[in-house]
């Protein structure tokens, strides 16, 4: 399974965009994959930085390419 860093590097290499790990976690959750609890997350019910709609397809494409979806 790919790591968040692998996804970040893949998106940066293919699309020239820098993405946040919280965006990857949000897309992971939206696609029904399990998340581990983050020790620095303030609230389990609320996202401080949700993934922007224009970045979601880039992350999902990278996740498919790396075998996560």
PDB file of N, CA and C in Angstrom:
ATOM      1  N   UNK A   1       0.843  -1.185   0.000  1.00  0.00           N
ATOM      2  CA  UNK A   1       0.000   0.000   0.000  1.00  0.00           C
ATOM      3  C   UNK A   1       0.886   1.245   0.000  1.00  0.00           C
ATOM      4  N   UNK A   2       0.467   2.241  -0.717  1.00  0.00           N
ATOM      5  CA  UNK A   2       1.224   3.478  -0.841  1.00  0.00           C
ATOM      6  C   UNK A   2       1.073   4.328   0.424  1.00  0.00           C
ATOM      7  N   UNK A   3       2.081   5.129   0.684  1.00  0.00           N
ATOM      8  CA  UNK A   3       2.041   6.049   1.816  1.00  0.00           C
ATOM      9  C   UNK A   3       1.564   7.420   1.334  1.00  0.00           C
ATOM     10  N   UNK A   4       1.235   8.286   2.278  1.00  0.00           N
ATOM     11  CA  UNK A   4       0.824   9.644   1.918  1.00  0.00           C
ATOM     12  C   UNK A   4       1.950  10.354   1.170  1.00  0.00           C
ATOM     13  N   UNK A   5       3.179  10.117   1.572  1.00  0.00           N
ATOM     14  CA  UNK A   5       4.319  10.739   0.894  1.00  0.00           C
ATOM     15  C   UNK A   5       4.415  10.261  -0.554  1.00  0.00           C
ATOM     16  N   UNK A   6       4.149   8.975  -0.796  1.00  0.00           N
ATOM     17  CA  UNK A   6       4.148   8.453  -2.171  1.00  0.00           C
ATOM     18  C   UNK A   6       3.093   9.173  -3.018  1.00  0.00           C
ATOM     19  N   UNK A   7       1.919   9.389  -2.435  1.00  0.00           N
ATOM     20  CA  UNK A   7       0.848  10.073  -3.153  1.00  0.00           C
ATOM     21  C   UNK A   7       1.238  11.518  -3.417  1.00  0.00           C
ATOM     22  N   UNK A   8       1.798  12.194  -2.412  1.00  0.00           N
ATOM     23  CA  UNK A   8       2.236  13.574  -2.593  1.00  0.00           C
ATOM     24  C   UNK A   8       3.261  13.687  -3.721  1.00  0.00           C
ATOM     25  N   UNK A   9       4.243  12.807  -3.731  1.00  0.00           N
ATOM     26  CA  UNK A   9       5.281  12.845  -4.759  1.00  0.00           C
ATOM     27  C   UNK A   9       4.708  12.544  -6.145  1.00  0.00           C
ATOM     28  N   UNK A  10       3.767  11.594  -6.226  1.00  0.00           N
ATOM     29  CA  UNK A  10       3.164  11.251  -7.505  1.00  0.00           C
ATOM     30  C   UNK A  10       2.372  12.433  -8.072  1.00  0.00           C
ATOM     31  N   UNK A  11       1.571  13.089  -7.224  1.00  0.00           N
ATOM     32  CA  UNK A  11       0.793  14.246  -7.679  1.00  0.00           C
ATOM     33  C   UNK A  11       1.728  15.382  -8.071  1.00  0.00           C
ATOM     34  N   UNK A  12       2.782  15.601  -7.301  1.00  0.00           N
ATOM     35  CA  UNK A  12       3.731  16.671  -7.622  1.00  0.00           C
ATOM     36  C   UNK A  12       4.430  16.398  -8.947  1.00  0.00           C
ATOM     37  N   UNK A  13       4.816  15.154  -9.176  1.00  0.00           N
ATOM     38  CA  UNK A  13       5.532  14.789 -10.399  1.00  0.00           C
ATOM     39  C   UNK A  13       4.621  14.891 -11.623  1.00  0.00           C
ATOM     40  N   UNK A  14       3.394  14.401 -11.517  1.00  0.00           N
ATOM     41  CA  UNK A  14       2.494  14.358 -12.672  1.00  0.00           C
ATOM     42  C   UNK A  14       1.774  15.673 -12.951  1.00  0.00           C
ATOM     43  N   UNK A  15       1.367  16.379 -11.890  1.00  0.00           N
ATOM     44  CA  UNK A  15       0.527  17.560 -12.075  1.00  0.00           C
ATOM     45  C   UNK A  15       1.181  18.865 -11.619  1.00  0.00           C
ATOM     46  N   UNK A  16       2.322  18.782 -10.951  1.00  0.00           N
ATOM     47  CA  UNK A  16       2.993  19.986 -10.484  1.00  0.00           C
ATOM     48  C   UNK A  16       2.285  20.680  -9.336  1.00  0.00           C
ATOM     49  N   UNK A  17       1.457  19.955  -8.603  1.00  0.00           N
ATOM     50  CA  UNK A  17       0.725  20.509  -7.472  1.00  0.00           C
ATOM     51  C   UNK A  17       1.267  19.942  -6.177  1.00  0.00           C
ATOM     52  N   UNK A  18       1.406  20.793  -5.191  1.00  0.00           N
ATOM     53  CA  UNK A  18       1.758  20.350  -3.849  1.00  0.00           C
ATOM     54  C   UNK A  18       0.450  20.155  -3.086  1.00  0.00           C
ATOM     55  N   UNK A  19       0.300  18.994  -2.447  1.00  0.00           N
ATOM     56  CA  UNK A  19      -0.931  18.712  -1.723  1.00  0.00           C
ATOM     57  C   UNK A  19      -0.631  18.437  -0.259  1.00  0.00           C
ATOM     58  N   UNK A  20      -1.631  18.672   0.572  1.00  0.00           N
ATOM     59  CA  UNK A  20      -1.502  18.462   2.010  1.00  0.00           C
ATOM     60  C   UNK A  20      -1.923  17.047   2.376  1.00  0.00           C
ATOM     61  N   UNK A  21      -1.317  16.517   3.429  1.00  0.00           N
ATOM     62  CA  UNK A  21      -1.683  15.172   3.876  1.00  0.00           C
ATOM     63  C   UNK A  21      -3.120  15.134   4.387  1.00  0.00           C
ATOM     64  N   UNK A  22      -3.619  16.241   4.936  1.00  0.00           N
ATOM     65  CA  UNK A  22      -5.010  16.257   5.407  1.00  0.00           C
ATOM     66  C   UNK A  22      -5.972  16.131   4.234  1.00  0.00           C
ATOM     67  N   UNK A  23      -5.585  16.603   3.060  1.00  0.00           N
ATOM     68  CA  UNK A  23      -6.423  16.426   1.876  1.00  0.00           C
ATOM     69  C   UNK A  23      -6.470  14.953   1.477  1.00  0.00           C
ATOM     70  N   UNK A  24      -5.331  14.275   1.576  1.00  0.00           N
ATOM     71  CA  UNK A  24      -5.291  12.851   1.254  1.00  0.00           C
ATOM     72  C   UNK A  24      -6.172  12.074   2.232  1.00  0.00           C
ATOM     73  N   UNK A  25      -6.104  12.425   3.501  1.00  0.00           N
ATOM     74  CA  UNK A  25      -6.933  11.757   4.509  1.00  0.00           C
ATOM     75  C   UNK A  25      -8.414  11.981   4.220  1.00  0.00           C
ATOM     76  N   UNK A  26      -8.775  13.178   3.804  1.00  0.00           N
ATOM     77  CA  UNK A  26     -10.171  13.477   3.495  1.00  0.00           C
ATOM     78  C   UNK A  26     -10.650  12.651   2.304  1.00  0.00           C
ATOM     79  N   UNK A  27      -9.851  12.574   1.248  1.00  0.00           N
ATOM     80  CA  UNK A  27     -10.222  11.784   0.068  1.00  0.00           C
ATOM     81  C   UNK A  27     -10.289  10.299   0.430  1.00  0.00           C
ATOM     82  N   UNK A  28      -9.383   9.844   1.272  1.00  0.00           N
ATOM     83  CA  UNK A  28      -9.400   8.463   1.730  1.00  0.00           C
ATOM     84  C   UNK A  28     -10.710   8.160   2.449  1.00  0.00           C
ATOM     85  N   UNK A  29     -11.118   9.064   3.316  1.00  0.00           N
ATOM     86  CA  UNK A  29     -12.372   8.892   4.054  1.00  0.00           C
ATOM     87  C   UNK A  29     -13.575   8.941   3.107  1.00  0.00           C
ATOM     88  N   UNK A  30     -13.571   9.848   2.139  1.00  0.00           N
ATOM     89  CA  UNK A  30     -14.678   9.959   1.189  1.00  0.00           C
ATOM     90  C   UNK A  30     -14.836   8.700   0.343  1.00  0.00           C
ATOM     91  N   UNK A  31     -13.753   7.975   0.127  1.00  0.00           N
ATOM     92  CA  UNK A  31     -13.801   6.747  -0.663  1.00  0.00           C
ATOM     93  C   UNK A  31     -14.029   5.505   0.197  1.00  0.00           C
ATOM     94  N   UNK A  32     -14.312   5.689   1.476  1.00  0.00           N
ATOM     95  CA  UNK A  32     -14.694   4.583   2.344  1.00  0.00           C
ATOM     96  C   UNK A  32     -13.549   3.732   2.864  1.00  0.00           C
ATOM     97  N   UNK A  33     -12.327   4.211   2.750  1.00  0.00           N
ATOM     98  CA  UNK A  33     -11.185   3.467   3.275  1.00  0.00           C
ATOM     99  C   UNK A  33     -10.999   3.805   4.749  1.00  0.00           C
ATOM    100  N   UNK A  34     -10.430   2.875   5.494  1.00  0.00           N
ATOM    101  CA  UNK A  34     -10.225   3.065   6.925  1.00  0.00           C
ATOM    102  C   UNK A  34      -9.087   4.038   7.190  1.00  0.00           C
ATOM    103  N   UNK A  35      -9.283   4.867   8.205  1.00  0.00           N
ATOM    104  CA  UNK A  35      -8.260   5.800   8.655  1.00  0.00           C
ATOM    105  C   UNK A  35      -7.871   5.464  10.081  1.00  0.00           C
ATOM    106  N   UNK A  36      -6.617   5.668  10.378  1.00  0.00           N
ATOM    107  CA  UNK A  36      -6.185   5.554  11.764  1.00  0.00           C
ATOM    108  C   UNK A  36      -6.404   6.905  12.434  1.00  0.00           C
ATOM    109  N   UNK A  37      -6.665   6.928  13.732  1.00  0.00           N
ATOM    110  CA  UNK A  37      -6.861   8.222  14.402  1.00  0.00           C
ATOM    111  C   UNK A  37      -5.539   8.999  14.468  1.00  0.00           C
ATOM    112  N   UNK A  38      -5.585  10.247  14.074  1.00  0.00           N
ATOM    113  CA  UNK A  38      -4.397  11.101  14.115  1.00  0.00           C
ATOM    114  C   UNK A  38      -4.271  11.699  15.513  1.00  0.00           C
ATOM    115  N   UNK A  39      -3.083  11.636  16.097  1.00  0.00           N
ATOM    116  CA  UNK A  39      -2.921  12.152  17.457  1.00  0.00           C
ATOM    117  C   UNK A  39      -3.075  13.667  17.550  1.00  0.00           C
ATOM    118  N   UNK A  40      -2.881  14.376  16.446  1.00  0.00           N
ATOM    119  CA  UNK A  40      -2.965  15.833  16.488  1.00  0.00           C
ATOM    120  C   UNK A  40      -4.313  16.379  16.002  1.00  0.00           C
ATOM    121  N   UNK A  41      -5.254  15.504  15.726  1.00  0.00           N
ATOM    122  CA  UNK A  41      -6.566  15.949  15.242  1.00  0.00           C
ATOM    123  C   UNK A  41      -7.387  16.461  16.408  1.00  0.00           C
ATOM    124  N   UNK A  42      -7.945  17.646  16.239  1.00  0.00           N
ATOM    125  CA  UNK A  42      -8.673  18.287  17.330  1.00  0.00           C
ATOM    126  C   UNK A  42     -10.058  17.689  17.541  1.00  0.00           C
ATOM    127  N   UNK A  43     -10.763  17.385  16.463  1.00  0.00           N
ATOM    128  CA  UNK A  43     -12.114  16.857  16.565  1.00  0.00           C
ATOM    129  C   UNK A  43     -12.308  15.762  15.527  1.00  0.00           C
ATOM    130  N   UNK A  44     -12.869  14.650  15.940  1.00  0.00           N
ATOM    131  CA  UNK A  44     -13.104  13.551  15.006  1.00  0.00           C
ATOM    132  C   UNK A  44     -14.274  13.845  14.081  1.00  0.00           C
ATOM    133  N   UNK A  45     -15.126  14.788  14.457  1.00  0.00           N
ATOM    134  CA  UNK A  45     -16.322  15.069  13.672  1.00  0.00           C
ATOM    135  C   UNK A  45     -16.136  16.219  12.682  1.00  0.00           C
ATOM    136  N   UNK A  46     -15.083  17.005  12.826  1.00  0.00           N
ATOM    137  CA  UNK A  46     -14.932  18.200  12.009  1.00  0.00           C
ATOM    138  C   UNK A  46     -13.559  18.232  11.341  1.00  0.00           C
ATOM    139  N   UNK A  47     -13.533  18.605  10.054  1.00  0.00           N
ATOM    140  CA  UNK A  47     -12.273  18.764   9.321  1.00  0.00           C
ATOM    141  C   UNK A  47     -11.916  20.242   9.267  1.00  0.00           C
ATOM    142  N   UNK A  48     -10.683  20.559   9.640  1.00  0.00           N
ATOM    143  CA  UNK A  48     -10.219  21.941   9.592  1.00  0.00           C
ATOM    144  C   UNK A  48      -9.871  22.322   8.152  1.00  0.00           C
ATOM    145  N   UNK A  49      -9.216  21.420   7.415  1.00  0.00           N
ATOM    146  CA  UNK A  49      -8.804  21.667   6.033  1.00  0.00           C
ATOM    147  C   UNK A  49      -9.342  20.566   5.115  1.00  0.00           C
ATOM    148  N   UNK A  50     -10.602  20.660   4.685  1.00  0.00           N
ATOM    149  CA  UNK A  50     -11.101  19.650   3.751  1.00  0.00           C
ATOM    150  C   UNK A  50     -10.436  19.800   2.388  1.00  0.00           C
ATOM    151  N   UNK A  51     -10.442  18.743   1.625  1.00  0.00           N
ATOM    152  CA  UNK A  51      -9.825  18.741   0.307  1.00  0.00           C
ATOM    153  C   UNK A  51     -10.623  19.620  -0.657  1.00  0.00           C
ATOM    154  N   UNK A  52      -9.957  20.519  -1.382  1.00  0.00           N
ATOM    155  CA  UNK A  52     -10.659  21.324  -2.387  1.00  0.00           C
ATOM    156  C   UNK A  52     -11.197  20.432  -3.507  1.00  0.00           C
ATOM    157  N   UNK A  53     -12.359  20.767  -4.050  1.00  0.00           N
ATOM    158  CA  UNK A  53     -12.967  19.929  -5.091  1.00  0.00           C
ATOM    159  C   UNK A  53     -12.094  19.765  -6.336  1.00  0.00           C
ATOM    160  N   UNK A  54     -11.278  20.751  -6.676  1.00  0.00           N
ATOM    161  CA  UNK A  54     -10.453  20.639  -7.882  1.00  0.00           C
ATOM    162  C   UNK A  54      -9.240  19.742  -7.688  1.00  0.00           C
ATOM    163  N   UNK A  55      -8.876  19.445  -6.446  1.00  0.00           N
ATOM    164  CA  UNK A  55      -7.703  18.607  -6.159  1.00  0.00           C
ATOM    165  C   UNK A  55      -8.099  17.144  -5.975  1.00  0.00           C
ATOM    166  N   UNK A  56      -9.349  16.890  -5.604  1.00  0.00           N
ATOM    167  CA  UNK A  56      -9.801  15.523  -5.339  1.00  0.00           C
ATOM    168  C   UNK A  56      -9.551  14.562  -6.498  1.00  0.00           C
ATOM    169  N   UNK A  57      -9.858  14.923  -7.759  1.00  0.00           N
ATOM    170  CA  UNK A  57      -9.587  13.977  -8.861  1.00  0.00           C
ATOM    171  C   UNK A  57      -8.099  13.656  -9.025  1.00  0.00           C
ATOM    172  N   UNK A  58      -7.238  14.605  -8.727  1.00  0.00           N
ATOM    173  CA  UNK A  58      -5.791  14.365  -8.835  1.00  0.00           C
ATOM    174  C   UNK A  58      -5.343  13.330  -7.808  1.00  0.00           C
ATOM    175  N   UNK A  59      -5.845  13.472  -6.587  1.00  0.00           N
ATOM    176  CA  UNK A  59      -5.475  12.537  -5.521  1.00  0.00           C
ATOM    177  C   UNK A  59      -6.055  11.160  -5.810  1.00  0.00           C
ATOM    178  N   UNK A  60      -7.310  11.108  -6.244  1.00  0.00           N
ATOM    179  CA  UNK A  60      -7.928   9.811  -6.553  1.00  0.00           C
ATOM    180  C   UNK A  60      -7.211   9.113  -7.707  1.00  0.00           C
ATOM    181  N   UNK A  61      -6.793   9.870  -8.707  1.00  0.00           N
ATOM    182  CA  UNK A  61      -6.047   9.288  -9.825  1.00  0.00           C
ATOM    183  C   UNK A  61      -4.723   8.682  -9.332  1.00  0.00           C
ATOM    184  N   UNK A  62      -4.044   9.420  -8.471  1.00  0.00           N
ATOM    185  CA  UNK A  62      -2.792   8.919  -7.917  1.00  0.00           C
ATOM    186  C   UNK A  62      -3.024   7.677  -7.052  1.00  0.00           C
ATOM    187  N   UNK A  63      -4.100   7.689  -6.268  1.00  0.00           N
ATOM    188  CA  UNK A  63      -4.407   6.540  -5.423  1.00  0.00           C
ATOM    189  C   UNK A  63      -4.727   5.311  -6.262  1.00  0.00           C
ATOM    190  N   UNK A  64      -5.431   5.487  -7.370  1.00  0.00           N
ATOM    191  CA  UNK A  64      -5.700   4.356  -8.272  1.00  0.00           C
ATOM    192  C   UNK A  64      -4.401   3.833  -8.880  1.00  0.00           C
ATOM    193  N   UNK A  65      -3.554   4.739  -9.317  1.00  0.00           N
ATOM    194  CA  UNK A  65      -2.293   4.354  -9.942  1.00  0.00           C
ATOM    195  C   UNK A  65      -1.388   3.596  -8.962  1.00  0.00           C
ATOM    196  N   UNK A  66      -1.460   3.969  -7.681  1.00  0.00           N
ATOM    197  CA  UNK A  66      -0.615   3.335  -6.672  1.00  0.00           C
ATOM    198  C   UNK A  66      -1.299   2.157  -5.983  1.00  0.00           C
ATOM    199  N   UNK A  67      -2.508   1.803  -6.413  1.00  0.00           N
ATOM    200  CA  UNK A  67      -3.163   0.593  -5.913  1.00  0.00           C
ATOM    201  C   UNK A  67      -3.937   0.746  -4.628  1.00  0.00           C
ATOM    202  N   UNK A  68      -4.280   1.965  -4.244  1.00  0.00           N
ATOM    203  CA  UNK A  68      -5.068   2.153  -3.016  1.00  0.00           C
ATOM    204  C   UNK A  68      -6.565   2.072  -3.285  1.00  0.00           C
ATOM    205  N   UNK A  69      -6.983   2.422  -4.487  1.00  0.00           N
ATOM    206  CA  UNK A  69      -8.412   2.364  -4.846  1.00  0.00           C
ATOM    207  C   UNK A  69      -8.637   1.309  -5.881  1.00  0.00           C
TER     208      UNK A  69
END
